[in-house]
């Protein structure tokens, strides 16, 4: 898998470098309400590239990141599962897929932070996790306007009609039932990649 990527979110220092100003100037712009930023779980400021480009255009500032952003070709997947063996399996299955970056997390709280920081193109979500389970995390994704259009795939061993109805009701696009093959996983990912990470009508994988 490739490692080079263009960020969808920038730090204040990165914004300063891209716009040719000091980090203090960027902070003053943020505090003055000239452009919006998001704050991570750790309290760090992050600026979306769309917001940054819009700001640079409005104030006629030199923007040095547009070409870099256009070169972003990786398809970013966030895999969330409390079983590290499952994450290792997914990693192995996808190891030969080009232009793909896999982010692995073992709980819903970390997944929330990665969602904000990385803006994945697709989420693979286990539903039986301690503390913040897949049902709660899926509802969080669908209720937040920043993420509600991110494709969400349930990767689960739940098989009863009742459980699967609950999973569908949480807002997932597809259900991938454990155990599954590498071919099944790759075909599913390619369907979403062909739609550029946009949600498409679900076709469950058995």
Protein backbone atom coordinates (compact mmCIF):
# COMPACT_ATOMS: atom_id res chain seq x y z
CA UNK A 1 0.00 0.00 0.00
CA UNK A 2 1.19 3.52 -0.66
CA UNK A 3 1.97 5.88 2.17
CA UNK A 4 2.03 9.30 0.49
CA UNK A 5 -1.21 11.18 0.92
CA UNK A 6 -2.71 14.61 0.74
CA UNK A 7 -4.40 15.63 3.97
CA UNK A 8 -8.02 16.63 4.12
CA UNK A 9 -7.35 18.47 7.38
CA UNK A 10 -4.45 20.78 8.19
CA UNK A 11 -2.79 21.97 11.38
CA UNK A 12 -2.31 25.70 11.99
CA UNK A 13 1.41 25.33 11.22
CA UNK A 14 0.64 23.63 7.91
CA UNK A 15 -1.87 26.36 7.02
CA UNK A 16 0.76 28.99 7.82
CA UNK A 17 3.25 27.30 5.51
CA UNK A 18 0.72 26.92 2.67
CA UNK A 19 -0.37 30.57 2.88
CA UNK A 20 3.06 32.05 3.57
CA UNK A 21 2.21 33.55 6.98
CA UNK A 22 3.13 32.85 10.61
CA UNK A 23 1.22 30.34 12.79
CA UNK A 24 0.25 33.21 15.11
CA UNK A 25 -1.43 34.95 12.17
CA UNK A 26 -3.43 31.80 11.42
CA UNK A 27 -4.56 31.53 15.04
CA UNK A 28 -5.65 35.18 14.97
CA UNK A 29 -7.64 34.57 11.80
CA UNK A 30 -9.38 31.60 13.44
CA UNK A 31 -10.10 33.50 16.66
CA UNK A 32 -11.33 36.44 14.61
CA UNK A 33 -13.84 34.22 12.84
CA UNK A 34 -12.32 34.59 9.37
CA UNK A 35 -12.47 30.85 8.82
CA UNK A 36 -13.73 27.85 10.71
CA UNK A 37 -11.72 25.08 12.28
CA UNK A 38 -12.46 21.86 14.13
CA UNK A 39 -10.96 20.84 17.44
CA UNK A 40 -9.77 17.25 17.90
CA UNK A 41 -10.30 15.16 21.03
CA UNK A 42 -6.81 16.22 22.13
CA UNK A 43 -7.69 19.91 21.77
CA UNK A 44 -5.75 20.54 18.54
CA UNK A 45 -7.06 22.82 15.80
CA UNK A 46 -7.66 21.33 12.35
CA UNK A 47 -8.75 23.21 9.22
CA UNK A 48 -10.56 21.56 6.31
CA UNK A 49 -8.96 22.02 2.91
CA UNK A 50 -12.24 23.22 1.37
CA UNK A 51 -12.47 25.93 4.02
CA UNK A 52 -8.84 26.86 3.47
CA UNK A 53 -9.14 27.12 -0.32
CA UNK A 54 -12.29 29.25 0.04
CA UNK A 55 -10.53 31.56 2.51
CA UNK A 56 -7.47 31.93 0.27
CA UNK A 57 -9.65 32.81 -2.72
CA UNK A 58 -11.71 35.35 -0.79
CA UNK A 59 -8.64 37.17 0.51
CA UNK A 60 -6.57 36.73 -2.67
CA UNK A 61 -3.87 34.82 -0.81
CA UNK A 62 -1.38 32.53 -2.54
CA UNK A 63 -2.57 28.94 -2.29
CA UNK A 64 0.17 26.35 -2.73
CA UNK A 65 -1.82 23.25 -1.91
CA UNK A 66 -4.30 22.87 -4.76
CA UNK A 67 -1.99 20.82 -6.96
CA UNK A 68 -1.11 18.62 -4.00
CA UNK A 69 -4.77 18.06 -3.21
CA UNK A 70 -5.55 17.08 -6.77
CA UNK A 71 -2.90 14.37 -6.59
CA UNK A 72 -4.64 12.55 -3.74
CA UNK A 73 -5.41 9.15 -5.18
CA UNK A 74 -5.50 6.95 -2.12
CA UNK A 75 -8.78 5.44 -1.02
CA UNK A 76 -8.76 5.68 2.78
CA UNK A 77 -10.54 3.00 4.82
CA UNK A 78 -11.21 3.16 8.55
CA UNK A 79 -11.56 -0.37 10.01
CA UNK A 80 -13.06 -0.54 13.50
CA UNK A 81 -13.01 -3.84 15.41
CA UNK A 82 -12.11 -4.70 19.00
CA UNK A 83 -10.57 -7.99 17.81
CA UNK A 84 -7.02 -7.34 16.62
CA UNK A 85 -7.05 -10.68 14.79
CA UNK A 86 -9.86 -9.42 12.56
CA UNK A 87 -7.97 -6.20 11.82
CA UNK A 88 -4.89 -8.24 10.94
CA UNK A 89 -7.01 -10.40 8.63
CA UNK A 90 -8.44 -7.36 6.86
CA UNK A 91 -4.93 -5.93 6.52
CA UNK A 92 -3.66 -9.15 4.98
CA UNK A 93 -6.61 -9.35 2.59
CA UNK A 94 -5.99 -5.82 1.36
CA UNK A 95 -2.20 -5.94 1.30
CA UNK A 96 -2.05 -6.31 -2.48
CA UNK A 97 -4.59 -3.61 -3.33
CA UNK A 98 -3.00 -0.52 -4.83
CA UNK A 99 -3.66 3.10 -3.84
CA UNK A 100 -5.34 2.05 -0.61
CA UNK A 101 -4.62 3.18 2.94
CA UNK A 102 -6.03 1.24 5.89
CA UNK A 103 -6.47 2.83 9.30
CA UNK A 104 -7.05 0.28 12.08
CA UNK A 105 -8.64 1.09 15.45
CA UNK A 106 -9.94 -1.18 18.20
CA UNK A 107 -12.71 0.92 19.77
CA UNK A 108 -15.41 3.40 18.88
CA UNK A 109 -13.88 6.32 20.79
CA UNK A 110 -10.60 6.18 18.86
CA UNK A 111 -12.60 5.68 15.67
CA UNK A 112 -14.40 8.96 16.33
CA UNK A 113 -11.09 10.81 16.61
CA UNK A 114 -9.74 9.19 13.43
CA UNK A 115 -12.95 10.03 11.61
CA UNK A 116 -12.39 13.74 12.29
CA UNK A 117 -8.66 13.67 11.59
CA UNK A 118 -8.54 11.43 8.52
CA UNK A 119 -11.92 11.82 6.81
CA UNK A 120 -11.97 8.24 5.44
CA UNK A 121 -13.65 7.32 2.18
CA UNK A 122 -15.19 4.15 3.69
CA UNK A 123 -15.78 2.75 7.18
CA UNK A 124 -15.69 -0.99 7.99
CA UNK A 125 -17.45 -1.32 11.34
CA UNK A 126 -17.80 -4.17 13.80
CA UNK A 127 -21.02 -3.94 15.79
CA UNK A 128 -20.25 -5.96 18.92
CA UNK A 129 -17.70 -3.84 20.77
CA UNK A 130 -17.46 -2.89 24.45
CA UNK A 131 -18.30 0.61 25.68
CA UNK A 132 -19.17 2.42 22.41
CA UNK A 133 -20.60 -0.27 20.14
CA UNK A 134 -21.20 -0.22 16.40
CA UNK A 135 -24.84 0.78 16.72
CA UNK A 136 -23.96 3.93 18.65
CA UNK A 137 -21.02 4.76 16.41
CA UNK A 138 -23.10 4.35 13.24
CA UNK A 139 -25.77 6.68 14.62
CA UNK A 140 -23.08 9.24 15.45
CA UNK A 141 -21.76 9.09 11.88
CA UNK A 142 -25.18 9.47 10.31
CA UNK A 143 -26.24 12.34 12.59
CA UNK A 144 -23.13 14.45 11.96
CA UNK A 145 -23.43 16.50 8.73
CA UNK A 146 -19.67 16.24 8.18
CA UNK A 147 -19.78 12.44 7.92
CA UNK A 148 -23.33 11.40 7.10
CA UNK A 149 -22.42 10.67 3.47
CA UNK A 150 -19.41 8.47 4.28
CA UNK A 151 -20.20 4.88 3.20
CA UNK A 152 -20.58 2.60 6.20
CA UNK A 153 -20.24 -1.19 6.00
CA UNK A 154 -21.19 -3.45 8.91
CA UNK A 155 -18.63 -6.24 9.33
CA UNK A 156 -20.39 -8.56 11.73
CA UNK A 157 -21.12 -12.08 12.84
CA UNK A 158 -24.68 -11.17 13.81
CA UNK A 159 -27.08 -13.26 11.74
CA UNK A 160 -30.60 -13.14 13.18
CA UNK A 161 -33.23 -11.14 11.33
CA UNK A 162 -33.76 -8.96 14.40
CA UNK A 163 -30.06 -8.08 14.69
CA UNK A 164 -29.71 -7.38 10.99
CA UNK A 165 -32.79 -5.16 11.01
CA UNK A 166 -31.20 -3.17 13.86
CA UNK A 167 -27.97 -2.89 11.90
CA UNK A 168 -29.79 -1.62 8.81
CA UNK A 169 -31.75 0.86 10.91
CA UNK A 170 -28.49 2.32 12.27
CA UNK A 171 -27.68 3.68 8.81
CA UNK A 172 -25.25 1.21 7.22
CA UNK A 173 -24.99 0.88 3.46
CA UNK A 174 -24.07 -2.79 3.36
CA UNK A 175 -23.57 -5.79 5.65
CA UNK A 176 -20.53 -8.03 5.25
CA UNK A 177 -21.04 -11.19 7.26
CA UNK A 178 -18.16 -12.86 9.10
CA UNK A 179 -16.42 -15.01 8.01
CA UNK A 180 -15.82 -13.57 4.54
CA UNK A 181 -13.23 -14.05 1.82
CA UNK A 182 -10.64 -11.61 0.56
CA UNK A 183 -12.41 -11.52 -2.80
CA UNK A 184 -15.68 -10.53 -1.14
CA UNK A 185 -14.00 -7.71 0.77
CA UNK A 186 -12.07 -6.39 -2.23
CA UNK A 187 -15.12 -6.50 -4.51
CA UNK A 188 -17.12 -4.55 -1.94
CA UNK A 189 -14.39 -1.92 -1.57
CA UNK A 190 -14.00 -1.54 -5.33
CA UNK A 191 -17.72 -0.89 -5.72
CA UNK A 192 -17.44 2.06 -3.36
CA UNK A 193 -14.15 3.20 -4.83
CA UNK A 194 -15.73 3.25 -8.30
CA UNK A 195 -18.35 5.61 -6.87
CA UNK A 196 -15.56 7.77 -5.37
CA UNK A 197 -16.52 6.94 -1.81
CA UNK A 198 -20.14 8.03 -2.16
CA UNK A 199 -22.96 6.04 -0.66
CA UNK A 200 -24.61 3.63 -3.06
CA UNK A 201 -27.64 1.33 -2.73
CA UNK A 202 -26.62 -1.57 -0.53
CA UNK A 203 -26.26 -5.14 -1.69
CA UNK A 204 -25.58 -7.35 1.29
CA UNK A 205 -22.71 -9.81 1.18
CA UNK A 206 -23.60 -13.17 2.71
